[in-house]
Amino acid sequence: MRQLFCNGSIWLLQMRVATPYLVTVQKKRKERREKERTEKKEKNRDGKENRKKTLLNFLSPLRSATVQCLHFFRFLLLRQKDFNNRCPFQKNVKKPDIGLVRKNPINNGTATEYLPIKERFC
């Protein structure tokens, strides 16, 4: 084996004989380094997966709570919309004399039901 090394300002070429002992030592060092690298990568990967799991465990109830809040606000908006449609003082709303027409959600909004006059309020 040839090896270049610098001694001060002079480059020297050193000859080193590759004995079987040196070759086995180098192979063992190389194998050990590769093993350490793979262990380090696996450890990092496990750490990332654990972080993902803890993050998901933290976010899943938060996500479900957010979805529930959104559904609740959607319900309130729809209720407000229905409430506004029932208001007798609102202009440009066609109303029959017997009561307000409201779509029935049971039959996909095809059937209508009439609210009595006493239920009309703003």
PDB file of N, CA and C in Angstrom:
ATOM      1  N   MET A   1       0.834  -1.183   0.000  1.00  0.00           N
ATOM      2  CA  MET A   1       0.000   0.000   0.000  1.00  0.00           C
ATOM      3  C   MET A   1       0.875   1.241   0.000  1.00  0.00           C
ATOM      4  N   ARG A   2       0.496   2.202  -0.820  1.00  0.00           N
ATOM      5  CA  ARG A   2       1.234   3.466  -0.859  1.00  0.00           C
ATOM      6  C   ARG A   2       0.416   4.514  -0.142  1.00  0.00           C
ATOM      7  N   GLN A   3       1.078   5.362   0.554  1.00  0.00           N
ATOM      8  CA  GLN A   3       0.395   6.407   1.303  1.00  0.00           C
ATOM      9  C   GLN A   3       1.191   7.698   1.181  1.00  0.00           C
ATOM     10  N   LEU A   4       0.495   8.773   0.767  1.00  0.00           N
ATOM     11  CA  LEU A   4       1.133  10.083   0.680  1.00  0.00           C
ATOM     12  C   LEU A   4       0.920  10.824   1.983  1.00  0.00           C
ATOM     13  N   PHE A   5       1.941  11.406   2.509  1.00  0.00           N
ATOM     14  CA  PHE A   5       1.760  12.260   3.672  1.00  0.00           C
ATOM     15  C   PHE A   5       2.749  13.406   3.590  1.00  0.00           C
ATOM     16  N   CYS A   6       2.402  14.487   4.262  1.00  0.00           N
ATOM     17  CA  CYS A   6       3.180  15.712   4.155  1.00  0.00           C
ATOM     18  C   CYS A   6       4.046  15.859   5.405  1.00  0.00           C
ATOM     19  N   ASN A   7       5.328  16.025   5.215  1.00  0.00           N
ATOM     20  CA  ASN A   7       6.241  16.251   6.321  1.00  0.00           C
ATOM     21  C   ASN A   7       6.791  17.658   6.149  1.00  0.00           C
ATOM     22  N   GLY A   8       6.147  18.619   6.827  1.00  0.00           N
ATOM     23  CA  GLY A   8       6.559  20.003   6.616  1.00  0.00           C
ATOM     24  C   GLY A   8       6.084  20.467   5.260  1.00  0.00           C
ATOM     25  N   SER A   9       7.023  20.745   4.357  1.00  0.00           N
ATOM     26  CA  SER A   9       6.648  21.177   3.011  1.00  0.00           C
ATOM     27  C   SER A   9       7.005  20.128   1.972  1.00  0.00           C
ATOM     28  N   ILE A  10       7.514  18.994   2.413  1.00  0.00           N
ATOM     29  CA  ILE A  10       7.956  17.954   1.464  1.00  0.00           C
ATOM     30  C   ILE A  10       6.938  16.821   1.487  1.00  0.00           C
ATOM     31  N   TRP A  11       6.471  16.440   0.301  1.00  0.00           N
ATOM     32  CA  TRP A  11       5.543  15.298   0.196  1.00  0.00           C
ATOM     33  C   TRP A  11       6.363  14.035   0.082  1.00  0.00           C
ATOM     34  N   LEU A  12       6.085  13.114   0.942  1.00  0.00           N
ATOM     35  CA  LEU A  12       6.825  11.859   0.926  1.00  0.00           C
ATOM     36  C   LEU A  12       5.891  10.717   0.557  1.00  0.00           C
ATOM     37  N   LEU A  13       6.384   9.738  -0.109  1.00  0.00           N
ATOM     38  CA  LEU A  13       5.610   8.559  -0.478  1.00  0.00           C
ATOM     39  C   LEU A  13       6.068   7.418   0.409  1.00  0.00           C
ATOM     40  N   GLN A  14       5.174   6.917   1.225  1.00  0.00           N
ATOM     41  CA  GLN A  14       5.540   5.860   2.168  1.00  0.00           C
ATOM     42  C   GLN A  14       5.014   4.540   1.636  1.00  0.00           C
ATOM     43  N   MET A  15       5.830   3.554   1.658  1.00  0.00           N
ATOM     44  CA  MET A  15       5.421   2.222   1.221  1.00  0.00           C
ATOM     45  C   MET A  15       5.061   1.430   2.470  1.00  0.00           C
ATOM     46  N   ARG A  16       3.884   0.853   2.445  1.00  0.00           N
ATOM     47  CA  ARG A  16       3.496   0.010   3.565  1.00  0.00           C
ATOM     48  C   ARG A  16       3.029  -1.322   2.979  1.00  0.00           C
ATOM     49  N   VAL A  17       3.547  -2.361   3.545  1.00  0.00           N
ATOM     50  CA  VAL A  17       3.198  -3.683   3.040  1.00  0.00           C
ATOM     51  C   VAL A  17       1.850  -4.081   3.643  1.00  0.00           C
ATOM     52  N   ALA A  18       0.941  -4.545   2.786  1.00  0.00           N
ATOM     53  CA  ALA A  18      -0.386  -4.950   3.258  1.00  0.00           C
ATOM     54  C   ALA A  18      -0.316  -6.384   3.742  1.00  0.00           C
ATOM     55  N   THR A  19      -0.171  -6.527   5.039  1.00  0.00           N
ATOM     56  CA  THR A  19      -0.117  -7.869   5.610  1.00  0.00           C
ATOM     57  C   THR A  19      -1.545  -8.357   5.846  1.00  0.00           C
ATOM     58  N   PRO A  20      -1.741  -9.650   5.933  1.00  0.00           N
ATOM     59  CA  PRO A  20      -3.075 -10.180   6.201  1.00  0.00           C
ATOM     60  C   PRO A  20      -3.665  -9.632   7.507  1.00  0.00           C
ATOM     61  N   TYR A  21      -2.797  -9.382   8.495  1.00  0.00           N
ATOM     62  CA  TYR A  21      -3.278  -8.841   9.767  1.00  0.00           C
ATOM     63  C   TYR A  21      -3.893  -7.456   9.554  1.00  0.00           C
ATOM     64  N   LEU A  22      -3.152  -6.586   8.826  1.00  0.00           N
ATOM     65  CA  LEU A  22      -3.657  -5.233   8.566  1.00  0.00           C
ATOM     66  C   LEU A  22      -4.970  -5.281   7.791  1.00  0.00           C
ATOM     67  N   VAL A  23      -5.057  -6.192   6.831  1.00  0.00           N
ATOM     68  CA  VAL A  23      -6.268  -6.301   6.020  1.00  0.00           C
ATOM     69  C   VAL A  23      -7.453  -6.703   6.899  1.00  0.00           C
ATOM     70  N   THR A  24      -7.262  -7.676   7.793  1.00  0.00           N
ATOM     71  CA  THR A  24      -8.363  -8.106   8.663  1.00  0.00           C
ATOM     72  C   THR A  24      -8.764  -7.002   9.631  1.00  0.00           C
ATOM     73  N   VAL A  25      -7.765  -6.264  10.161  1.00  0.00           N
ATOM     74  CA  VAL A  25      -8.073  -5.162  11.072  1.00  0.00           C
ATOM     75  C   VAL A  25      -8.894  -4.101  10.349  1.00  0.00           C
ATOM     76  N   GLN A  26      -8.480  -3.763   9.118  1.00  0.00           N
ATOM     77  CA  GLN A  26      -9.213  -2.767   8.344  1.00  0.00           C
ATOM     78  C   GLN A  26     -10.633  -3.231   8.039  1.00  0.00           C
ATOM     79  N   LYS A  27     -10.781  -4.491   7.688  1.00  0.00           N
ATOM     80  CA  LYS A  27     -12.120  -5.034   7.406  1.00  0.00           C
ATOM     81  C   LYS A  27     -13.001  -4.960   8.649  1.00  0.00           C
ATOM     82  N   LYS A  28     -12.421  -5.337   9.792  1.00  0.00           N
ATOM     83  CA  LYS A  28     -13.202  -5.291  11.032  1.00  0.00           C
ATOM     84  C   LYS A  28     -13.620  -3.858  11.368  1.00  0.00           C
ATOM     85  N   ARG A  29     -12.676  -2.902  11.192  1.00  0.00           N
ATOM     86  CA  ARG A  29     -13.009  -1.499  11.442  1.00  0.00           C
ATOM     87  C   ARG A  29     -14.144  -1.036  10.528  1.00  0.00           C
ATOM     88  N   LYS A  30     -14.026  -1.393   9.245  1.00  0.00           N
ATOM     89  CA  LYS A  30     -15.040  -0.992   8.274  1.00  0.00           C
ATOM     90  C   LYS A  30     -16.406  -1.582   8.636  1.00  0.00           C
ATOM     91  N   GLU A  31     -16.416  -2.878   8.987  1.00  0.00           N
ATOM     92  CA  GLU A  31     -17.677  -3.529   9.375  1.00  0.00           C
ATOM     93  C   GLU A  31     -18.282  -2.867  10.623  1.00  0.00           C
ATOM     94  N   ARG A  32     -17.409  -2.557  11.599  1.00  0.00           N
ATOM     95  CA  ARG A  32     -17.888  -1.931  12.824  1.00  0.00           C
ATOM     96  C   ARG A  32     -18.485  -0.543  12.543  1.00  0.00           C
ATOM     97  N   ARG A  33     -17.807   0.225  11.679  1.00  0.00           N
ATOM     98  CA  ARG A  33     -18.334   1.553  11.318  1.00  0.00           C
ATOM     99  C   ARG A  33     -19.691   1.434  10.617  1.00  0.00           C
ATOM    100  N   GLU A  34     -19.770   0.479   9.677  1.00  0.00           N
ATOM    101  CA  GLU A  34     -21.052   0.297   8.968  1.00  0.00           C
ATOM    102  C   GLU A  34     -22.159  -0.123   9.934  1.00  0.00           C
ATOM    103  N   LYS A  35     -21.811  -1.007  10.862  1.00  0.00           N
ATOM    104  CA  LYS A  35     -22.796  -1.450  11.849  1.00  0.00           C
ATOM    105  C   LYS A  35     -23.258  -0.278  12.717  1.00  0.00           C
ATOM    106  N   GLU A  36     -22.298   0.560  13.151  1.00  0.00           N
ATOM    107  CA  GLU A  36     -22.652   1.737  13.950  1.00  0.00           C
ATOM    108  C   GLU A  36     -23.540   2.691  13.155  1.00  0.00           C
ATOM    109  N   ARG A  37     -23.216   2.879  11.871  1.00  0.00           N
ATOM    110  CA  ARG A  37     -24.030   3.758  11.032  1.00  0.00           C
ATOM    111  C   ARG A  37     -25.460   3.240  10.910  1.00  0.00           C
ATOM    112  N   THR A  38     -25.605   1.939  10.634  1.00  0.00           N
ATOM    113  CA  THR A  38     -26.953   1.381  10.483  1.00  0.00           C
ATOM    114  C   THR A  38     -27.732   1.475  11.792  1.00  0.00           C
ATOM    115  N   GLU A  39     -27.046   1.209  12.931  1.00  0.00           N
ATOM    116  CA  GLU A  39     -27.720   1.324  14.226  1.00  0.00           C
ATOM    117  C   GLU A  39     -28.168   2.760  14.475  1.00  0.00           C
ATOM    118  N   LYS A  40     -27.305   3.722  14.127  1.00  0.00           N
ATOM    119  CA  LYS A  40     -27.649   5.130  14.323  1.00  0.00           C
ATOM    120  C   LYS A  40     -28.847   5.509  13.453  1.00  0.00           C
ATOM    121  N   LYS A  41     -28.847   5.036  12.181  1.00  0.00           N
ATOM    122  CA  LYS A  41     -29.973   5.341  11.292  1.00  0.00           C
ATOM    123  C   LYS A  41     -31.269   4.736  11.824  1.00  0.00           C
ATOM    124  N   GLU A  42     -31.200   3.467  12.283  1.00  0.00           N
ATOM    125  CA  GLU A  42     -32.397   2.822  12.825  1.00  0.00           C
ATOM    126  C   GLU A  42     -32.903   3.552  14.071  1.00  0.00           C
ATOM    127  N   LYS A  43     -31.967   3.983  14.910  1.00  0.00           N
ATOM    128  CA  LYS A  43     -32.353   4.706  16.116  1.00  0.00           C
ATOM    129  C   LYS A  43     -33.046   6.019  15.758  1.00  0.00           C
ATOM    130  N   ASN A  44     -32.482   6.732  14.775  1.00  0.00           N
ATOM    131  CA  ASN A  44     -33.096   7.988  14.324  1.00  0.00           C
ATOM    132  C   ASN A  44     -34.476   7.733  13.736  1.00  0.00           C
ATOM    133  N   ARG A  45     -34.581   6.655  12.953  1.00  0.00           N
ATOM    134  CA  ARG A  45     -35.873   6.336  12.340  1.00  0.00           C
ATOM    135  C   ARG A  45     -36.906   6.010  13.418  1.00  0.00           C
ATOM    136  N   ASP A  46     -36.506   5.223  14.416  1.00  0.00           N
ATOM    137  CA  ASP A  46     -37.421   4.899  15.521  1.00  0.00           C
ATOM    138  C   ASP A  46     -37.841   6.163  16.266  1.00  0.00           C
ATOM    139  N   GLY A  47     -36.877   7.048  16.488  1.00  0.00           N
ATOM    140  CA  GLY A  47     -37.193   8.292  17.173  1.00  0.00           C
ATOM    141  C   GLY A  47     -38.199   9.126  16.386  1.00  0.00           C
ATOM    142  N   LYS A  48     -38.001   9.176  15.045  1.00  0.00           N
ATOM    143  CA  LYS A  48     -38.949   9.932  14.211  1.00  0.00           C
ATOM    144  C   LYS A  48     -40.332   9.311  14.271  1.00  0.00           C
ATOM    145  N   GLU A  49     -40.396   7.959  14.204  1.00  0.00           N
ATOM    146  CA  GLU A  49     -41.701   7.293  14.265  1.00  0.00           C
ATOM    147  C   GLU A  49     -42.379   7.546  15.609  1.00  0.00           C
ATOM    148  N   ASN A  50     -41.598   7.494  16.689  1.00  0.00           N
ATOM    149  CA  ASN A  50     -42.181   7.759  18.009  1.00  0.00           C
ATOM    150  C   ASN A  50     -42.697   9.189  18.102  1.00  0.00           C
ATOM    151  N   ARG A  51     -41.918  10.132  17.536  1.00  0.00           N
ATOM    152  CA  ARG A  51     -42.381  11.524  17.537  1.00  0.00           C
ATOM    153  C   ARG A  51     -43.674  11.662  16.745  1.00  0.00           C
ATOM    154  N   LYS A  52     -43.732  10.961  15.580  1.00  0.00           N
ATOM    155  CA  LYS A  52     -44.964  11.012  14.783  1.00  0.00           C
ATOM    156  C   LYS A  52     -46.129  10.440  15.567  1.00  0.00           C
ATOM    157  N   LYS A  53     -45.893   9.308  16.249  1.00  0.00           N
ATOM    158  CA  LYS A  53     -46.980   8.684  17.014  1.00  0.00           C
ATOM    159  C   LYS A  53     -47.474   9.610  18.123  1.00  0.00           C
ATOM    160  N   THR A  54     -46.536  10.217  18.851  1.00  0.00           N
ATOM    161  CA  THR A  54     -46.965  11.103  19.935  1.00  0.00           C
ATOM    162  C   THR A  54     -47.689  12.317  19.377  1.00  0.00           C
ATOM    163  N   LEU A  55     -47.221  12.814  18.237  1.00  0.00           N
ATOM    164  CA  LEU A  55     -47.889  13.964  17.623  1.00  0.00           C
ATOM    165  C   LEU A  55     -49.301  13.585  17.182  1.00  0.00           C
ATOM    166  N   LEU A  56     -49.434  12.388  16.585  1.00  0.00           N
ATOM    167  CA  LEU A  56     -50.763  11.945  16.166  1.00  0.00           C
ATOM    168  C   LEU A  56     -51.670  11.716  17.361  1.00  0.00           C
ATOM    169  N   ASN A  57     -51.107  11.136  18.427  1.00  0.00           N
ATOM    170  CA  ASN A  57     -51.912  10.932  19.634  1.00  0.00           C
ATOM    171  C   ASN A  57     -52.380  12.258  20.207  1.00  0.00           C
ATOM    172  N   PHE A  58     -51.549  13.282  20.056  1.00  0.00           N
ATOM    173  CA  PHE A  58     -51.938  14.595  20.549  1.00  0.00           C
ATOM    174  C   PHE A  58     -52.955  15.254  19.614  1.00  0.00           C
ATOM    175  N   LEU A  59     -52.755  15.071  18.296  1.00  0.00           N
ATOM    176  CA  LEU A  59     -53.590  15.794  17.336  1.00  0.00           C
ATOM    177  C   LEU A  59     -54.942  15.142  17.088  1.00  0.00           C
ATOM    178  N   SER A  60     -55.050  13.804  17.246  1.00  0.00           N
ATOM    179  CA  SER A  60     -56.318  13.159  16.888  1.00  0.00           C
ATOM    180  C   SER A  60     -57.493  13.640  17.739  1.00  0.00           C
ATOM    181  N   PRO A  61     -57.378  13.763  19.072  1.00  0.00           N
ATOM    182  CA  PRO A  61     -58.522  14.321  19.806  1.00  0.00           C
ATOM    183  C   PRO A  61     -58.762  15.791  19.466  1.00  0.00           C
ATOM    184  N   LEU A  62     -57.663  16.513  19.185  1.00  0.00           N
ATOM    185  CA  LEU A  62     -57.808  17.915  18.810  1.00  0.00           C
ATOM    186  C   LEU A  62     -58.553  18.023  17.485  1.00  0.00           C
ATOM    187  N   ARG A  63     -58.206  17.117  16.548  1.00  0.00           N
ATOM    188  CA  ARG A  63     -58.860  17.127  15.252  1.00  0.00           C
ATOM    189  C   ARG A  63     -60.343  16.792  15.399  1.00  0.00           C
ATOM    190  N   SER A  64     -60.653  15.781  16.220  1.00  0.00           N
ATOM    191  CA  SER A  64     -62.065  15.421  16.389  1.00  0.00           C
ATOM    192  C   SER A  64     -62.830  16.552  17.069  1.00  0.00           C
ATOM    193  N   ALA A  65     -62.195  17.225  18.033  1.00  0.00           N
ATOM    194  CA  ALA A  65     -62.853  18.359  18.688  1.00  0.00           C
ATOM    195  C   ALA A  65     -63.091  19.488  17.683  1.00  0.00           C
ATOM    196  N   THR A  66     -62.108  19.711  16.797  1.00  0.00           N
ATOM    197  CA  THR A  66     -62.267  20.750  15.778  1.00  0.00           C
ATOM    198  C   THR A  66     -63.419  20.412  14.848  1.00  0.00           C
ATOM    199  N   VAL A  67     -63.486  19.151  14.444  1.00  0.00           N
ATOM    200  CA  VAL A  67     -64.572  18.733  13.557  1.00  0.00           C
ATOM    201  C   VAL A  67     -65.920  18.904  14.260  1.00  0.00           C
ATOM    202  N   GLN A  68     -65.973  18.540  15.536  1.00  0.00           N
ATOM    203  CA  GLN A  68     -67.225  18.713  16.279  1.00  0.00           C
ATOM    204  C   GLN A  68     -67.610  20.188  16.361  1.00  0.00           C
ATOM    205  N   CYS A  69     -66.618  21.060  16.600  1.00  0.00           N
ATOM    206  CA  CYS A  69     -66.897  22.502  16.644  1.00  0.00           C
ATOM    207  C   CYS A  69     -67.422  22.980  15.294  1.00  0.00           C
ATOM    208  N   LEU A  70     -66.789  22.509  14.209  1.00  0.00           N
ATOM    209  CA  LEU A  70     -67.236  22.933  12.882  1.00  0.00           C
ATOM    210  C   LEU A  70     -68.663  22.482  12.619  1.00  0.00           C
ATOM    211  N   HIS A  71     -68.968  21.235  13.001  1.00  0.00           N
ATOM    212  CA  HIS A  71     -70.340  20.743  12.825  1.00  0.00           C
ATOM    213  C   HIS A  71     -71.324  21.581  13.640  1.00  0.00           C
ATOM    214  N   PHE A  72     -70.905  21.920  14.853  1.00  0.00           N
ATOM    215  CA  PHE A  72     -71.786  22.715  15.715  1.00  0.00           C
ATOM    216  C   PHE A  72     -72.058  24.089  15.093  1.00  0.00           C
ATOM    217  N   PHE A  73     -70.978  24.748  14.593  1.00  0.00           N
ATOM    218  CA  PHE A  73     -71.170  26.063  13.986  1.00  0.00           C
ATOM    219  C   PHE A  73     -71.986  25.970  12.704  1.00  0.00           C
ATOM    220  N   ARG A  74     -71.788  24.871  11.964  1.00  0.00           N
ATOM    221  CA  ARG A  74     -72.597  24.675  10.758  1.00  0.00           C
ATOM    222  C   ARG A  74     -74.071  24.523  11.144  1.00  0.00           C
ATOM    223  N   PHE A  75     -74.299  23.761  12.211  1.00  0.00           N
ATOM    224  CA  PHE A  75     -75.664  23.589  12.710  1.00  0.00           C
ATOM    225  C   PHE A  75     -76.263  24.939  13.103  1.00  0.00           C
ATOM    226  N   LEU A  76     -75.465  25.759  13.805  1.00  0.00           N
ATOM    227  CA  LEU A  76     -75.959  27.079  14.213  1.00  0.00           C
ATOM    228  C   LEU A  76     -76.270  27.960  13.006  1.00  0.00           C
ATOM    229  N   LEU A  77     -75.381  27.899  11.998  1.00  0.00           N
ATOM    230  CA  LEU A  77     -75.626  28.716  10.805  1.00  0.00           C
ATOM    231  C   LEU A  77     -76.892  28.273  10.081  1.00  0.00           C
ATOM    232  N   LEU A  78     -77.046  26.951   9.955  1.00  0.00           N
ATOM    233  CA  LEU A  78     -78.251  26.450   9.287  1.00  0.00           C
ATOM    234  C   LEU A  78     -79.495  26.818  10.087  1.00  0.00           C
ATOM    235  N   ARG A  79     -79.361  26.726  11.392  1.00  0.00           N
ATOM    236  CA  ARG A  79     -80.502  27.075  12.248  1.00  0.00           C
ATOM    237  C   ARG A  79     -80.833  28.564  12.096  1.00  0.00           C
ATOM    238  N   GLN A  80     -79.771  29.384  12.042  1.00  0.00           N
ATOM    239  CA  GLN A  80     -79.981  30.821  11.869  1.00  0.00           C
ATOM    240  C   GLN A  80     -80.631  31.096  10.514  1.00  0.00           C
ATOM    241  N   LYS A  81     -80.205  30.352   9.495  1.00  0.00           N
ATOM    242  CA  LYS A  81     -80.779  30.536   8.168  1.00  0.00           C
ATOM    243  C   LYS A  81     -82.261  30.179   8.189  1.00  0.00           C
ATOM    244  N   ASP A  82     -82.565  29.047   8.824  1.00  0.00           N
ATOM    245  CA  ASP A  82     -83.962  28.619   8.952  1.00  0.00           C
ATOM    246  C   ASP A  82     -84.748  29.643   9.765  1.00  0.00           C
ATOM    247  N   PHE A  83     -84.119  30.158  10.804  1.00  0.00           N
ATOM    248  CA  PHE A  83     -84.737  31.148  11.678  1.00  0.00           C
ATOM    249  C   PHE A  83     -85.046  32.423  10.892  1.00  0.00           C
ATOM    250  N   ASN A  84     -84.084  32.829  10.045  1.00  0.00           N
ATOM    251  CA  ASN A  84     -84.305  34.025   9.230  1.00  0.00           C
ATOM    252  C   ASN A  84     -85.423  33.799   8.211  1.00  0.00           C
ATOM    253  N   ASN A  85     -85.514  32.592   7.679  1.00  0.00           N
ATOM    254  CA  ASN A  85     -86.577  32.299   6.719  1.00  0.00           C
ATOM    255  C   ASN A  85     -87.950  32.322   7.388  1.00  0.00           C
ATOM    256  N   ARG A  86     -87.971  32.022   8.684  1.00  0.00           N
ATOM    257  CA  ARG A  86     -89.261  31.989   9.386  1.00  0.00           C
ATOM    258  C   ARG A  86     -89.701  33.364   9.870  1.00  0.00           C
ATOM    259  N   CYS A  87     -88.842  34.341   9.785  1.00  0.00           N
ATOM    260  CA  CYS A  87     -89.161  35.663  10.326  1.00  0.00           C
ATOM    261  C   CYS A  87     -90.266  36.327   9.502  1.00  0.00           C
ATOM    262  N   PRO A  88     -91.386  36.706  10.096  1.00  0.00           N
ATOM    263  CA  PRO A  88     -92.481  37.289   9.315  1.00  0.00           C
ATOM    264  C   PRO A  88     -92.201  38.708   8.848  1.00  0.00           C
ATOM    265  N   PHE A  89     -91.204  39.385   9.461  1.00  0.00           N
ATOM    266  CA  PHE A  89     -90.931  40.766   9.076  1.00  0.00           C
ATOM    267  C   PHE A  89     -89.932  40.861   7.928  1.00  0.00           C
ATOM    268  N   GLN A  90     -89.433  39.720   7.489  1.00  0.00           N
ATOM    269  CA  GLN A  90     -88.437  39.741   6.421  1.00  0.00           C
ATOM    270  C   GLN A  90     -89.132  40.009   5.082  1.00  0.00           C
ATOM    271  N   LYS A  91     -88.533  40.835   4.256  1.00  0.00           N
ATOM    272  CA  LYS A  91     -89.140  41.194   2.984  1.00  0.00           C
ATOM    273  C   LYS A  91     -88.815  40.145   1.931  1.00  0.00           C
ATOM    274  N   ASN A  92     -89.594  40.147   0.870  1.00  0.00           N
ATOM    275  CA  ASN A  92     -89.405  39.283  -0.290  1.00  0.00           C
ATOM    276  C   ASN A  92     -89.441  37.807   0.067  1.00  0.00           C
ATOM    277  N   VAL A  93     -90.242  37.421   1.008  1.00  0.00           N
ATOM    278  CA  VAL A  93     -90.420  36.005   1.346  1.00  0.00           C
ATOM    279  C   VAL A  93     -91.878  35.666   1.062  1.00  0.00           C
ATOM    280  N   LYS A  94     -92.068  34.705   0.174  1.00  0.00           N
ATOM    281  CA  LYS A  94     -93.434  34.295  -0.150  1.00  0.00           C
ATOM    282  C   LYS A  94     -93.933  33.364   0.937  1.00  0.00           C
ATOM    283  N   LYS A  95     -95.068  33.702   1.546  1.00  0.00           N
ATOM    284  CA  LYS A  95     -95.590  32.892   2.637  1.00  0.00           C
ATOM    285  C   LYS A  95     -97.056  32.586   2.365  1.00  0.00           C
ATOM    286  N   PRO A  96     -97.446  31.343   2.557  1.00  0.00           N
ATOM    287  CA  PRO A  96     -98.876  31.049   2.453  1.00  0.00           C
ATOM    288  C   PRO A  96     -99.616  31.585   3.671  1.00  0.00           C
ATOM    289  N   ASP A  97    -100.912  31.669   3.578  1.00  0.00           N
ATOM    290  CA  ASP A  97    -101.709  32.245   4.663  1.00  0.00           C
ATOM    291  C   ASP A  97    -101.742  31.354   5.894  1.00  0.00           C
ATOM    292  N   ILE A  98    -101.680  30.022   5.694  1.00  0.00           N
ATOM    293  CA  ILE A  98    -101.835  29.144   6.855  1.00  0.00           C
ATOM    294  C   ILE A  98    -100.561  29.035   7.682  1.00  0.00           C
ATOM    295  N   GLY A  99     -99.436  29.349   7.120  1.00  0.00           N
ATOM    296  CA  GLY A  99     -98.177  29.263   7.866  1.00  0.00           C
ATOM    297  C   GLY A  99     -97.008  29.249   6.920  1.00  0.00           C
ATOM    298  N   LEU A 100     -95.823  29.151   7.462  1.00  0.00           N
ATOM    299  CA  LEU A 100     -94.627  29.151   6.630  1.00  0.00           C
ATOM    300  C   LEU A 100     -94.354  27.755   6.090  1.00  0.00           C
ATOM    301  N   VAL A 101     -93.887  27.692   4.870  1.00  0.00           N
ATOM    302  CA  VAL A 101     -93.518  26.414   4.286  1.00  0.00           C
ATOM    303  C   VAL A 101     -92.070  26.133   4.671  1.00  0.00           C
ATOM    304  N   ARG A 102     -91.859  24.959   5.222  1.00  0.00           N
ATOM    305  CA  ARG A 102     -90.501  24.561   5.567  1.00  0.00           C
ATOM    306  C   ARG A 102     -90.241  23.189   4.968  1.00  0.00           C
ATOM    307  N   LYS A 103     -89.084  23.018   4.363  1.00  0.00           N
ATOM    308  CA  LYS A 103     -88.772  21.730   3.760  1.00  0.00           C
ATOM    309  C   LYS A 103     -88.554  20.702   4.859  1.00  0.00           C
ATOM    310  N   ASN A 104     -89.073  19.522   4.591  1.00  0.00           N
ATOM    311  CA  ASN A 104     -88.945  18.441   5.567  1.00  0.00           C
ATOM    312  C   ASN A 104     -87.662  17.678   5.283  1.00  0.00           C
ATOM    313  N   PRO A 105     -86.723  17.617   6.233  1.00  0.00           N
ATOM    314  CA  PRO A 105     -85.454  16.943   5.946  1.00  0.00           C
ATOM    315  C   PRO A 105     -85.580  15.424   5.863  1.00  0.00           C
ATOM    316  N   ILE A 106     -86.704  14.865   6.263  1.00  0.00           N
ATOM    317  CA  ILE A 106     -86.829  13.402   6.272  1.00  0.00           C
ATOM    318  C   ILE A 106     -86.870  12.868   4.841  1.00  0.00           C
ATOM    319  N   ASN A 107     -87.623  13.518   3.957  1.00  0.00           N
ATOM    320  CA  ASN A 107     -87.760  13.044   2.575  1.00  0.00           C
ATOM    321  C   ASN A 107     -86.847  13.816   1.636  1.00  0.00           C
ATOM    322  N   ASN A 108     -85.622  14.080   2.055  1.00  0.00           N
ATOM    323  CA  ASN A 108     -84.639  14.808   1.262  1.00  0.00           C
ATOM    324  C   ASN A 108     -85.154  16.170   0.815  1.00  0.00           C
ATOM    325  N   GLY A 109     -85.983  16.772   1.624  1.00  0.00           N
ATOM    326  CA  GLY A 109     -86.464  18.106   1.318  1.00  0.00           C
ATOM    327  C   GLY A 109     -87.568  18.154   0.284  1.00  0.00           C
ATOM    328  N   THR A 110     -88.154  17.010  -0.067  1.00  0.00           N
ATOM    329  CA  THR A 110     -89.213  17.037  -1.082  1.00  0.00           C
ATOM    330  C   THR A 110     -90.548  17.378  -0.451  1.00  0.00           C
ATOM    331  N   ALA A 111     -90.845  16.784   0.698  1.00  0.00           N
ATOM    332  CA  ALA A 111     -92.127  17.063   1.346  1.00  0.00           C
ATOM    333  C   ALA A 111     -92.037  18.380   2.107  1.00  0.00           C
ATOM    334  N   THR A 112     -93.136  19.070   2.225  1.00  0.00           N
ATOM    335  CA  THR A 112     -93.149  20.325   2.967  1.00  0.00           C
ATOM    336  C   THR A 112     -94.145  20.225   4.098  1.00  0.00           C
ATOM    337  N   GLU A 113     -93.875  20.959   5.134  1.00  0.00           N
ATOM    338  CA  GLU A 113     -94.812  21.002   6.247  1.00  0.00           C
ATOM    339  C   GLU A 113     -95.093  22.464   6.569  1.00  0.00           C
ATOM    340  N   TYR A 114     -96.240  22.741   7.081  1.00  0.00           N
ATOM    341  CA  TYR A 114     -96.633  24.115   7.378  1.00  0.00           C
ATOM    342  C   TYR A 114     -96.558  24.362   8.874  1.00  0.00           C
ATOM    343  N   LEU A 115     -95.933  25.439   9.226  1.00  0.00           N
ATOM    344  CA  LEU A 115     -95.877  25.815  10.632  1.00  0.00           C
ATOM    345  C   LEU A 115     -97.129  26.616  10.981  1.00  0.00           C
ATOM    346  N   PRO A 116     -97.713  26.368  12.121  1.00  0.00           N
ATOM    347  CA  PRO A 116     -98.847  27.202  12.529  1.00  0.00           C
ATOM    348  C   PRO A 116     -98.396  28.638  12.762  1.00  0.00           C
ATOM    349  N   ILE A 117     -99.351  29.541  12.730  1.00  0.00           N
ATOM    350  CA  ILE A 117     -99.040  30.965  12.830  1.00  0.00           C
ATOM    351  C   ILE A 117     -98.450  31.309  14.181  1.00  0.00           C
ATOM    352  N   LYS A 118     -98.856  30.611  15.232  1.00  0.00           N
ATOM    353  CA  LYS A 118     -98.340  30.954  16.559  1.00  0.00           C
ATOM    354  C   LYS A 118     -96.852  30.634  16.701  1.00  0.00           C
ATOM    355  N   GLU A 119     -96.305  29.736  15.853  1.00  0.00           N
ATOM    356  CA  GLU A 119     -94.880  29.415  15.937  1.00  0.00           C
ATOM    357  C   GLU A 119     -94.026  30.408  15.172  1.00  0.00           C
ATOM    358  N   ARG A 120     -94.646  31.289  14.400  1.00  0.00           N
ATOM    359  CA  ARG A 120     -93.867  32.283  13.674  1.00  0.00           C
ATOM    360  C   ARG A 120     -93.396  33.361  14.638  1.00  0.00           C
ATOM    361  N   PHE A 121     -92.081  33.537  14.671  1.00  0.00           N
ATOM    362  CA  PHE A 121     -91.550  34.587  15.523  1.00  0.00           C
ATOM    363  C   PHE A 121     -90.195  34.998  14.987  1.00  0.00           C
ATOM    364  N   CYS A 122     -89.720  36.153  15.388  1.00  0.00           N
ATOM    365  CA  CYS A 122     -88.402  36.624  14.975  1.00  0.00           C
ATOM    366  C   CYS A 122     -87.439  36.484  16.131  1.00  0.00           C
TER     367      CYS A 122
END
